[in-house]
PDB file of all heavy atoms in Angstrom:
ATOM      1  N   GLU A   1       0.873  -1.202   0.018  1.00  0.00           N
ATOM      2  CA  GLU A   1      -0.023   0.009   0.005  1.00  0.00           C
ATOM      3  C   GLU A   1       0.926   1.273   0.028  1.00  0.00           C
ATOM      4  O   GLU A   1       1.761   1.440   0.882  1.00  0.00           O
ATOM      5  CB  GLU A   1      -0.896  -0.045   1.265  1.00  0.00           C
ATOM      6  CG  GLU A   1      -1.806   1.153   1.260  1.00  0.00           C
ATOM      7  CD  GLU A   1      -2.799   1.179   2.505  1.00  0.00           C
ATOM      8  OE1 GLU A   1      -2.893   0.075   3.114  1.00  0.00           O
ATOM      9  OE2 GLU A   1      -3.411   2.207   2.831  1.00  0.00           O
ATOM     10  N   GLU A   2       0.789   2.085  -1.015  1.00  0.00           N
ATOM     11  CA  GLU A   2       1.645   3.258  -1.142  1.00  0.00           C
ATOM     12  C   GLU A   2       1.177   4.326  -0.093  1.00  0.00           C
ATOM     13  O   GLU A   2       0.025   4.582   0.084  1.00  0.00           O
ATOM     14  CB  GLU A   2       1.494   3.814  -2.515  1.00  0.00           C
ATOM     15  CG  GLU A   2       2.383   5.092  -2.768  1.00  0.00           C
ATOM     16  CD  GLU A   2       2.246   5.624  -4.154  1.00  0.00           C
ATOM     17  OE1 GLU A   2       1.527   4.948  -4.985  1.00  0.00           O
ATOM     18  OE2 GLU A   2       2.863   6.632  -4.436  1.00  0.00           O
ATOM     19  N   GLU A   3       2.215   4.834   0.643  1.00  0.00           N
ATOM     20  CA  GLU A   3       1.907   5.824   1.595  1.00  0.00           C
ATOM     21  C   GLU A   3       1.728   7.166   0.951  1.00  0.00           C
ATOM     22  O   GLU A   3       2.403   7.489  -0.028  1.00  0.00           O
ATOM     23  CB  GLU A   3       3.083   5.921   2.631  1.00  0.00           C
ATOM     24  CG  GLU A   3       3.278   4.763   3.504  1.00  0.00           C
ATOM     25  CD  GLU A   3       4.303   4.982   4.553  1.00  0.00           C
ATOM     26  OE1 GLU A   3       4.865   6.098   4.623  1.00  0.00           O
ATOM     27  OE2 GLU A   3       4.625   4.019   5.291  1.00  0.00           O
ATOM     28  N   TRP A   4       0.723   7.920   1.405  1.00  0.00           N
ATOM     29  CA  TRP A   4       0.406   9.241   0.806  1.00  0.00           C
ATOM     30  C   TRP A   4       0.309  10.224   1.886  1.00  0.00           C
ATOM     31  O   TRP A   4      -0.367  10.001   2.956  1.00  0.00           O
ATOM     32  CB  TRP A   4      -0.900   9.061   0.072  1.00  0.00           C
ATOM     33  CG  TRP A   4      -1.354  10.337  -0.613  1.00  0.00           C
ATOM     34  CD1 TRP A   4      -0.886  10.933  -1.713  1.00  0.00           C
ATOM     35  CD2 TRP A   4      -2.320  11.307  -0.078  1.00  0.00           C
ATOM     36  NE1 TRP A   4      -1.507  12.073  -1.951  1.00  0.00           N
ATOM     37  CE2 TRP A   4      -2.411  12.385  -1.009  1.00  0.00           C
ATOM     38  CE3 TRP A   4      -3.148  11.330   1.020  1.00  0.00           C
ATOM     39  CZ2 TRP A   4      -3.248  13.436  -0.838  1.00  0.00           C
ATOM     40  CZ3 TRP A   4      -4.042  12.351   1.190  1.00  0.00           C
ATOM     41  CH2 TRP A   4      -4.090  13.410   0.303  1.00  0.00           C
ATOM     42  N   VAL A   5       1.062  11.300   1.730  1.00  0.00           N
ATOM     43  CA  VAL A   5       1.087  12.349   2.724  1.00  0.00           C
ATOM     44  C   VAL A   5       0.535  13.644   2.187  1.00  0.00           C
ATOM     45  O   VAL A   5       0.910  14.076   1.034  1.00  0.00           O
ATOM     46  CB  VAL A   5       2.566  12.621   3.251  1.00  0.00           C
ATOM     47  CG1 VAL A   5       2.579  13.799   4.256  1.00  0.00           C
ATOM     48  CG2 VAL A   5       3.145  11.368   3.847  1.00  0.00           C
ATOM     49  N   ASN A   6      -0.440  14.206   2.858  1.00  0.00           N
ATOM     50  CA  ASN A   6      -1.042  15.452   2.426  1.00  0.00           C
ATOM     51  C   ASN A   6      -0.014  16.591   2.627  1.00  0.00           C
ATOM     52  O   ASN A   6       0.728  16.592   3.591  1.00  0.00           O
ATOM     53  CB  ASN A   6      -2.365  15.710   3.166  1.00  0.00           C
ATOM     54  CG  ASN A   6      -3.112  16.919   2.661  1.00  0.00           C
ATOM     55  OD1 ASN A   6      -3.192  17.097   1.474  1.00  0.00           O
ATOM     56  ND2 ASN A   6      -3.585  17.724   3.542  1.00  0.00           N
ATOM     57  N   VAL A   7      -0.049  17.551   1.723  1.00  0.00           N
ATOM     58  CA  VAL A   7       0.821  18.691   1.823  1.00  0.00           C
ATOM     59  C   VAL A   7       0.014  19.963   2.000  1.00  0.00           C
ATOM     60  O   VAL A   7      -0.946  20.176   1.272  1.00  0.00           O
ATOM     61  CB  VAL A   7       1.702  18.818   0.513  1.00  0.00           C
ATOM     62  CG1 VAL A   7       2.528  20.086   0.557  1.00  0.00           C
ATOM     63  CG2 VAL A   7       2.613  17.614   0.386  1.00  0.00           C
ATOM     64  N   VAL A   8       0.429  20.774   3.008  1.00  0.00           N
ATOM     65  CA  VAL A   8      -0.180  22.048   3.281  1.00  0.00           C
ATOM     66  C   VAL A   8       0.814  23.133   2.987  1.00  0.00           C
ATOM     67  O   VAL A   8       1.759  23.358   3.741  1.00  0.00           O
ATOM     68  CB  VAL A   8      -0.677  22.140   4.744  1.00  0.00           C
ATOM     69  CG1 VAL A   8      -1.306  23.485   4.992  1.00  0.00           C
ATOM     70  CG2 VAL A   8      -1.650  21.032   5.050  1.00  0.00           C
ATOM     71  N   SER A   9       0.674  23.796   1.816  1.00  0.00           N
ATOM     72  CA  SER A   9       1.570  24.888   1.403  1.00  0.00           C
ATOM     73  C   SER A   9       1.079  26.205   1.833  1.00  0.00           C
ATOM     74  O   SER A   9       0.596  27.009   0.998  1.00  0.00           O
ATOM     75  CB  SER A   9       1.858  24.774  -0.105  1.00  0.00           C
ATOM     76  OG  SER A   9       2.413  23.566  -0.487  1.00  0.00           O
ATOM     77  N   GLU A  10       1.046  26.449   3.102  1.00  0.00           N
ATOM     78  CA  GLU A  10       0.499  27.704   3.620  1.00  0.00           C
ATOM     79  C   GLU A  10       1.453  28.206   4.762  1.00  0.00           C
ATOM     80  O   GLU A  10       2.249  27.481   5.320  1.00  0.00           O
ATOM     81  CB  GLU A  10      -0.881  27.550   4.156  1.00  0.00           C
ATOM     82  CG  GLU A  10      -1.904  27.044   3.132  1.00  0.00           C
ATOM     83  CD  GLU A  10      -3.240  26.813   3.753  1.00  0.00           C
ATOM     84  OE1 GLU A  10      -3.507  27.370   4.851  1.00  0.00           O
ATOM     85  OE2 GLU A  10      -4.066  26.051   3.199  1.00  0.00           O
ATOM     86  N   GLY A  11       1.297  29.553   5.116  1.00  0.00           N
ATOM     87  CA  GLY A  11       2.041  30.075   6.194  1.00  0.00           C
ATOM     88  C   GLY A  11       3.314  30.811   5.626  1.00  0.00           C
ATOM     89  O   GLY A  11       3.822  30.501   4.616  1.00  0.00           O
ATOM     90  N   ILE A  12       3.734  31.758   6.460  1.00  0.00           N
ATOM     91  CA  ILE A  12       4.954  32.477   6.176  1.00  0.00           C
ATOM     92  C   ILE A  12       5.773  32.572   7.450  1.00  0.00           C
ATOM     93  O   ILE A  12       5.338  33.070   8.462  1.00  0.00           O
ATOM     94  CB  ILE A  12       4.642  33.951   5.684  1.00  0.00           C
ATOM     95  CG1 ILE A  12       3.845  33.953   4.376  1.00  0.00           C
ATOM     96  CG2 ILE A  12       5.964  34.730   5.415  1.00  0.00           C
ATOM     97  CD1 ILE A  12       3.314  35.310   3.936  1.00  0.00           C
ATOM     98  N   VAL A  13       7.008  32.076   7.358  1.00  0.00           N
ATOM     99  CA  VAL A  13       7.936  32.148   8.470  1.00  0.00           C
ATOM    100  C   VAL A  13       9.086  33.090   8.077  1.00  0.00           C
ATOM    101  O   VAL A  13       9.702  32.943   7.050  1.00  0.00           O
ATOM    102  CB  VAL A  13       8.524  30.750   8.781  1.00  0.00           C
ATOM    103  CG1 VAL A  13       9.569  30.830   9.909  1.00  0.00           C
ATOM    104  CG2 VAL A  13       7.376  29.739   9.172  1.00  0.00           C
ATOM    105  N   SER A  14       9.313  34.105   8.947  1.00  0.00           N
ATOM    106  CA  SER A  14      10.221  35.133   8.593  1.00  0.00           C
ATOM    107  C   SER A  14      11.196  35.347   9.664  1.00  0.00           C
ATOM    108  O   SER A  14      10.975  35.142  10.851  1.00  0.00           O
ATOM    109  CB  SER A  14       9.479  36.465   8.384  1.00  0.00           C
ATOM    110  OG  SER A  14       8.820  36.881   9.505  1.00  0.00           O
ATOM    111  N   VAL A  15      12.443  35.778   9.299  1.00  0.00           N
ATOM    112  CA  VAL A  15      13.535  36.094  10.189  1.00  0.00           C
ATOM    113  C   VAL A  15      13.511  37.658  10.452  1.00  0.00           C
ATOM    114  O   VAL A  15      13.287  38.379   9.513  1.00  0.00           O
ATOM    115  CB  VAL A  15      14.922  35.699   9.618  1.00  0.00           C
ATOM    116  CG1 VAL A  15      16.073  36.051  10.560  1.00  0.00           C
ATOM    117  CG2 VAL A  15      14.896  34.235   9.301  1.00  0.00           C
ATOM    118  N   GLY A  16      13.636  37.959  11.758  1.00  0.00           N
ATOM    119  CA  GLY A  16      13.755  39.394  12.066  1.00  0.00           C
ATOM    120  C   GLY A  16      15.073  39.931  11.733  1.00  0.00           C
ATOM    121  O   GLY A  16      16.105  39.234  11.674  1.00  0.00           O
ATOM    122  N   GLY A  17      15.154  41.285  11.580  1.00  0.00           N
ATOM    123  CA  GLY A  17      16.388  41.919  11.266  1.00  0.00           C
ATOM    124  C   GLY A  17      16.833  42.735  12.453  1.00  0.00           C
ATOM    125  O   GLY A  17      16.161  42.885  13.506  1.00  0.00           O
ATOM    126  N   ALA A  18      18.085  43.312  12.375  1.00  0.00           N
ATOM    127  CA  ALA A  18      18.553  44.184  13.487  1.00  0.00           C
ATOM    128  C   ALA A  18      19.728  45.013  12.980  1.00  0.00           C
ATOM    129  O   ALA A  18      20.268  44.741  11.968  1.00  0.00           O
ATOM    130  CB  ALA A  18      19.026  43.297  14.716  1.00  0.00           C
ATOM    131  N   ALA A  19      20.066  45.997  13.745  1.00  0.00           N
ATOM    132  CA  ALA A  19      21.191  46.882  13.423  1.00  0.00           C
ATOM    133  C   ALA A  19      22.068  47.071  14.668  1.00  0.00           C
ATOM    134  O   ALA A  19      22.118  48.154  15.250  1.00  0.00           O
ATOM    135  CB  ALA A  19      20.690  48.221  12.895  1.00  0.00           C
ATOM    136  N   PRO A  20      22.819  46.004  15.041  1.00  0.00           N
ATOM    137  CA  PRO A  20      23.641  46.075  16.310  1.00  0.00           C
ATOM    138  C   PRO A  20      24.940  46.790  16.040  1.00  0.00           C
ATOM    139  O   PRO A  20      25.438  46.953  14.916  1.00  0.00           O
ATOM    140  CB  PRO A  20      23.808  44.606  16.617  1.00  0.00           C
ATOM    141  CG  PRO A  20      23.903  43.971  15.277  1.00  0.00           C
ATOM    142  CD  PRO A  20      22.872  44.714  14.414  1.00  0.00           C
ATOM    143  N   ASN A  21      25.561  47.139  17.153  1.00  0.00           N
ATOM    144  CA  ASN A  21      26.948  47.649  17.048  1.00  0.00           C
ATOM    145  C   ASN A  21      27.890  46.467  17.205  1.00  0.00           C
ATOM    146  O   ASN A  21      27.508  45.363  17.614  1.00  0.00           O
ATOM    147  CB  ASN A  21      27.208  48.638  18.227  1.00  0.00           C
ATOM    148  CG  ASN A  21      26.469  49.876  18.119  1.00  0.00           C
ATOM    149  OD1 ASN A  21      26.278  50.400  17.039  1.00  0.00           O
ATOM    150  ND2 ASN A  21      25.939  50.408  19.241  1.00  0.00           N
ATOM    151  N   VAL A  22      29.120  46.668  16.780  1.00  0.00           N
ATOM    152  CA  VAL A  22      30.159  45.584  16.903  1.00  0.00           C
ATOM    153  C   VAL A  22      30.317  45.294  18.431  1.00  0.00           C
ATOM    154  O   VAL A  22      30.282  46.225  19.296  1.00  0.00           O
ATOM    155  CB  VAL A  22      31.438  46.005  16.294  1.00  0.00           C
ATOM    156  CG1 VAL A  22      31.342  46.160  14.807  1.00  0.00           C
ATOM    157  CG2 VAL A  22      31.973  47.263  16.912  1.00  0.00           C
ATOM    158  N   GLY A  23      30.488  44.045  18.743  1.00  0.00           N
ATOM    159  CA  GLY A  23      30.689  43.611  20.078  1.00  0.00           C
ATOM    160  C   GLY A  23      29.423  43.494  20.936  1.00  0.00           C
ATOM    161  O   GLY A  23      29.447  43.050  22.130  1.00  0.00           O
ATOM    162  N   GLU A  24      28.257  43.813  20.339  1.00  0.00           N
ATOM    163  CA  GLU A  24      26.994  43.713  21.073  1.00  0.00           C
ATOM    164  C   GLU A  24      26.386  42.311  20.970  1.00  0.00           C
ATOM    165  O   GLU A  24      26.841  41.497  20.235  1.00  0.00           O
ATOM    166  CB  GLU A  24      26.010  44.703  20.520  1.00  0.00           C
ATOM    167  CG  GLU A  24      26.217  46.173  20.949  1.00  0.00           C
ATOM    168  CD  GLU A  24      25.072  47.097  20.496  1.00  0.00           C
ATOM    169  OE1 GLU A  24      24.203  46.669  19.671  1.00  0.00           O
ATOM    170  OE2 GLU A  24      25.023  48.184  21.062  1.00  0.00           O
ATOM    171  N   THR A  25      25.375  42.097  21.813  1.00  0.00           N
ATOM    172  CA  THR A  25      24.551  40.879  21.725  1.00  0.00           C
ATOM    173  C   THR A  25      23.193  41.287  21.089  1.00  0.00           C
ATOM    174  O   THR A  25      22.649  42.307  21.472  1.00  0.00           O
ATOM    175  CB  THR A  25      24.321  40.310  23.087  1.00  0.00           C
ATOM    176  OG1 THR A  25      25.540  39.882  23.650  1.00  0.00           O
ATOM    177  CG2 THR A  25      23.434  39.124  23.071  1.00  0.00           C
ATOM    178  N   VAL A  26      22.736  40.485  20.097  1.00  0.00           N
ATOM    179  CA  VAL A  26      21.489  40.845  19.413  1.00  0.00           C
ATOM    180  C   VAL A  26      20.591  39.616  19.428  1.00  0.00           C
ATOM    181  O   VAL A  26      21.075  38.471  19.310  1.00  0.00           O
ATOM    182  CB  VAL A  26      21.864  41.263  17.941  1.00  0.00           C
ATOM    183  CG1 VAL A  26      22.504  40.194  17.146  1.00  0.00           C
ATOM    184  CG2 VAL A  26      20.637  41.775  17.282  1.00  0.00           C
ATOM    185  N   THR A  27      19.291  39.889  19.524  1.00  0.00           N
ATOM    186  CA  THR A  27      18.254  38.875  19.531  1.00  0.00           C
ATOM    187  C   THR A  27      17.518  38.865  18.208  1.00  0.00           C
ATOM    188  O   THR A  27      16.920  39.919  17.878  1.00  0.00           O
ATOM    189  CB  THR A  27      17.356  38.973  20.742  1.00  0.00           C
ATOM    190  OG1 THR A  27      18.029  38.886  21.925  1.00  0.00           O
ATOM    191  CG2 THR A  27      16.223  37.902  20.689  1.00  0.00           C
ATOM    192  N   ILE A  28      17.471  37.796  17.533  1.00  0.00           N
ATOM    193  CA  ILE A  28      16.779  37.671  16.216  1.00  0.00           C
ATOM    194  C   ILE A  28      15.572  36.809  16.322  1.00  0.00           C
ATOM    195  O   ILE A  28      15.718  35.600  16.621  1.00  0.00           O
ATOM    196  CB  ILE A  28      17.748  37.141  15.120  1.00  0.00           C
ATOM    197  CG1 ILE A  28      18.977  37.995  14.952  1.00  0.00           C
ATOM    198  CG2 ILE A  28      16.939  37.040  13.805  1.00  0.00           C
ATOM    199  CD1 ILE A  28      18.678  39.407  14.509  1.00  0.00           C
ATOM    200  N   PRO A  29      14.361  37.370  16.221  1.00  0.00           N
ATOM    201  CA  PRO A  29      13.142  36.520  16.316  1.00  0.00           C
ATOM    202  C   PRO A  29      12.814  35.743  14.979  1.00  0.00           C
ATOM    203  O   PRO A  29      13.146  36.285  13.917  1.00  0.00           O
ATOM    204  CB  PRO A  29      12.074  37.507  16.645  1.00  0.00           C
ATOM    205  CG  PRO A  29      12.543  38.803  15.985  1.00  0.00           C
ATOM    206  CD  PRO A  29      14.070  38.774  16.038  1.00  0.00           C
ATOM    207  N   VAL A  30      12.199  34.642  15.098  1.00  0.00           N
ATOM    208  CA  VAL A  30      11.674  33.967  13.953  1.00  0.00           C
ATOM    209  C   VAL A  30      10.197  33.797  14.152  1.00  0.00           C
ATOM    210  O   VAL A  30       9.700  33.170  15.089  1.00  0.00           O
ATOM    211  CB  VAL A  30      12.346  32.525  13.799  1.00  0.00           C
ATOM    212  CG1 VAL A  30      11.660  31.720  12.703  1.00  0.00           C
ATOM    213  CG2 VAL A  30      13.871  32.670  13.525  1.00  0.00           C
ATOM    214  N   ASN A  31       9.468  34.458  13.243  1.00  0.00           N
ATOM    215  CA  ASN A  31       8.049  34.610  13.427  1.00  0.00           C
ATOM    216  C   ASN A  31       7.224  33.865  12.359  1.00  0.00           C
ATOM    217  O   ASN A  31       7.731  33.536  11.249  1.00  0.00           O
ATOM    218  CB  ASN A  31       7.680  36.101  13.328  1.00  0.00           C
ATOM    219  CG  ASN A  31       8.429  36.944  14.313  1.00  0.00           C
ATOM    220  OD1 ASN A  31       8.454  36.618  15.486  1.00  0.00           O
ATOM    221  ND2 ASN A  31       8.992  38.035  13.819  1.00  0.00           N
ATOM    222  N   ILE A  32       5.985  33.555  12.675  1.00  0.00           N
ATOM    223  CA  ILE A  32       5.084  32.990  11.692  1.00  0.00           C
ATOM    224  C   ILE A  32       3.807  33.756  11.625  1.00  0.00           C
ATOM    225  O   ILE A  32       3.269  34.249  12.596  1.00  0.00           O
ATOM    226  CB  ILE A  32       4.726  31.503  12.058  1.00  0.00           C
ATOM    227  CG1 ILE A  32       3.897  30.823  10.916  1.00  0.00           C
ATOM    228  CG2 ILE A  32       4.060  31.380  13.353  1.00  0.00           C
ATOM    229  CD1 ILE A  32       3.794  29.308  11.075  1.00  0.00           C
ATOM    230  N   ILE A  33       3.352  33.979  10.371  1.00  0.00           N
ATOM    231  CA  ILE A  33       2.054  34.611  10.079  1.00  0.00           C
ATOM    232  C   ILE A  33       1.272  33.721   9.159  1.00  0.00           C
ATOM    233  O   ILE A  33       1.852  32.834   8.481  1.00  0.00           O
ATOM    234  CB  ILE A  33       2.235  36.068   9.547  1.00  0.00           C
ATOM    235  CG1 ILE A  33       2.952  36.048   8.191  1.00  0.00           C
ATOM    236  CG2 ILE A  33       2.904  36.986  10.521  1.00  0.00           C
ATOM    237  CD1 ILE A  33       2.903  37.382   7.459  1.00  0.00           C
ATOM    238  N   GLU A  34      -0.015  33.949   9.086  1.00  0.00           N
ATOM    239  CA  GLU A  34      -0.939  33.080   8.282  1.00  0.00           C
ATOM    240  C   GLU A  34      -0.728  31.631   8.642  1.00  0.00           C
ATOM    241  O   GLU A  34      -0.665  30.736   7.820  1.00  0.00           O
ATOM    242  CB  GLU A  34      -0.703  33.366   6.811  1.00  0.00           C
ATOM    243  CG  GLU A  34      -0.971  34.814   6.393  1.00  0.00           C
ATOM    244  CD  GLU A  34      -0.662  35.010   4.911  1.00  0.00           C
ATOM    245  OE1 GLU A  34      -0.573  34.062   4.178  1.00  0.00           O
ATOM    246  OE2 GLU A  34      -0.655  36.210   4.499  1.00  0.00           O
ATOM    247  N   ASN A  35      -0.585  31.382   9.985  1.00  0.00           N
ATOM    248  CA  ASN A  35      -0.269  30.083  10.467  1.00  0.00           C
ATOM    249  C   ASN A  35      -1.393  29.032  10.114  1.00  0.00           C
ATOM    250  O   ASN A  35      -2.512  29.212  10.509  1.00  0.00           O
ATOM    251  CB  ASN A  35      -0.142  30.151  11.995  1.00  0.00           C
ATOM    252  CG  ASN A  35       0.333  28.865  12.606  1.00  0.00           C
ATOM    253  OD1 ASN A  35       0.429  27.827  11.979  1.00  0.00           O
ATOM    254  ND2 ASN A  35       0.575  28.906  13.951  1.00  0.00           N
ATOM    255  N   PRO A  36      -1.068  28.015   9.322  1.00  0.00           N
ATOM    256  CA  PRO A  36      -2.033  27.015   8.949  1.00  0.00           C
ATOM    257  C   PRO A  36      -2.323  26.021  10.080  1.00  0.00           C
ATOM    258  O   PRO A  36      -3.170  25.137   9.916  1.00  0.00           O
ATOM    259  CB  PRO A  36      -1.484  26.357   7.761  1.00  0.00           C
ATOM    260  CG  PRO A  36      -0.027  26.408   7.984  1.00  0.00           C
ATOM    261  CD  PRO A  36       0.219  27.730   8.720  1.00  0.00           C
ATOM    262  N   GLY A  37      -1.556  26.050  11.131  1.00  0.00           N
ATOM    263  CA  GLY A  37      -1.601  25.036  12.192  1.00  0.00           C
ATOM    264  C   GLY A  37      -0.380  24.124  12.127  1.00  0.00           C
ATOM    265  O   GLY A  37      -0.249  23.394  11.135  1.00  0.00           O
ATOM    266  N   ILE A  38       0.456  24.171  13.111  1.00  0.00           N
ATOM    267  CA  ILE A  38       1.606  23.300  13.102  1.00  0.00           C
ATOM    268  C   ILE A  38       1.816  22.609  14.494  1.00  0.00           C
ATOM    269  O   ILE A  38       1.399  23.239  15.499  1.00  0.00           O
ATOM    270  CB  ILE A  38       2.960  24.021  12.751  1.00  0.00           C
ATOM    271  CG1 ILE A  38       3.205  25.166  13.695  1.00  0.00           C
ATOM    272  CG2 ILE A  38       2.891  24.497  11.272  1.00  0.00           C
ATOM    273  CD1 ILE A  38       4.569  25.809  13.467  1.00  0.00           C
ATOM    274  N   ALA A  39       2.390  21.417  14.500  1.00  0.00           N
ATOM    275  CA  ALA A  39       2.607  20.702  15.727  1.00  0.00           C
ATOM    276  C   ALA A  39       4.030  20.320  15.902  1.00  0.00           C
ATOM    277  O   ALA A  39       4.362  19.595  16.909  1.00  0.00           O
ATOM    278  CB  ALA A  39       1.693  19.454  15.810  1.00  0.00           C
ATOM    279  N   GLY A  40       4.820  20.665  14.977  1.00  0.00           N
ATOM    280  CA  GLY A  40       6.286  20.316  15.068  1.00  0.00           C
ATOM    281  C   GLY A  40       7.096  20.956  13.911  1.00  0.00           C
ATOM    282  O   GLY A  40       6.585  21.177  12.881  1.00  0.00           O
ATOM    283  N   PHE A  41       8.362  21.280  14.302  1.00  0.00           N
ATOM    284  CA  PHE A  41       9.211  21.834  13.211  1.00  0.00           C
ATOM    285  C   PHE A  41      10.698  21.567  13.495  1.00  0.00           C
ATOM    286  O   PHE A  41      11.100  21.344  14.657  1.00  0.00           O
ATOM    287  CB  PHE A  41       9.003  23.344  13.004  1.00  0.00           C
ATOM    288  CG  PHE A  41       9.330  24.227  14.211  1.00  0.00           C
ATOM    289  CD1 PHE A  41      10.605  24.396  14.652  1.00  0.00           C
ATOM    290  CD2 PHE A  41       8.313  24.873  14.895  1.00  0.00           C
ATOM    291  CE1 PHE A  41      10.888  25.169  15.786  1.00  0.00           C
ATOM    292  CE2 PHE A  41       8.567  25.679  16.000  1.00  0.00           C
ATOM    293  CZ  PHE A  41       9.889  25.816  16.437  1.00  0.00           C
TER     294      PHE A  41
END
């Protein structure tokens, strides 16, 4: 029996930007919009 997996091609995952100085610590968020529903990544 051939396995068949449904594909959901929805959602946008984006990386945040920043303008730090040299030697600083910077936090970069990874966000999702238009979330189709996820349970693991």
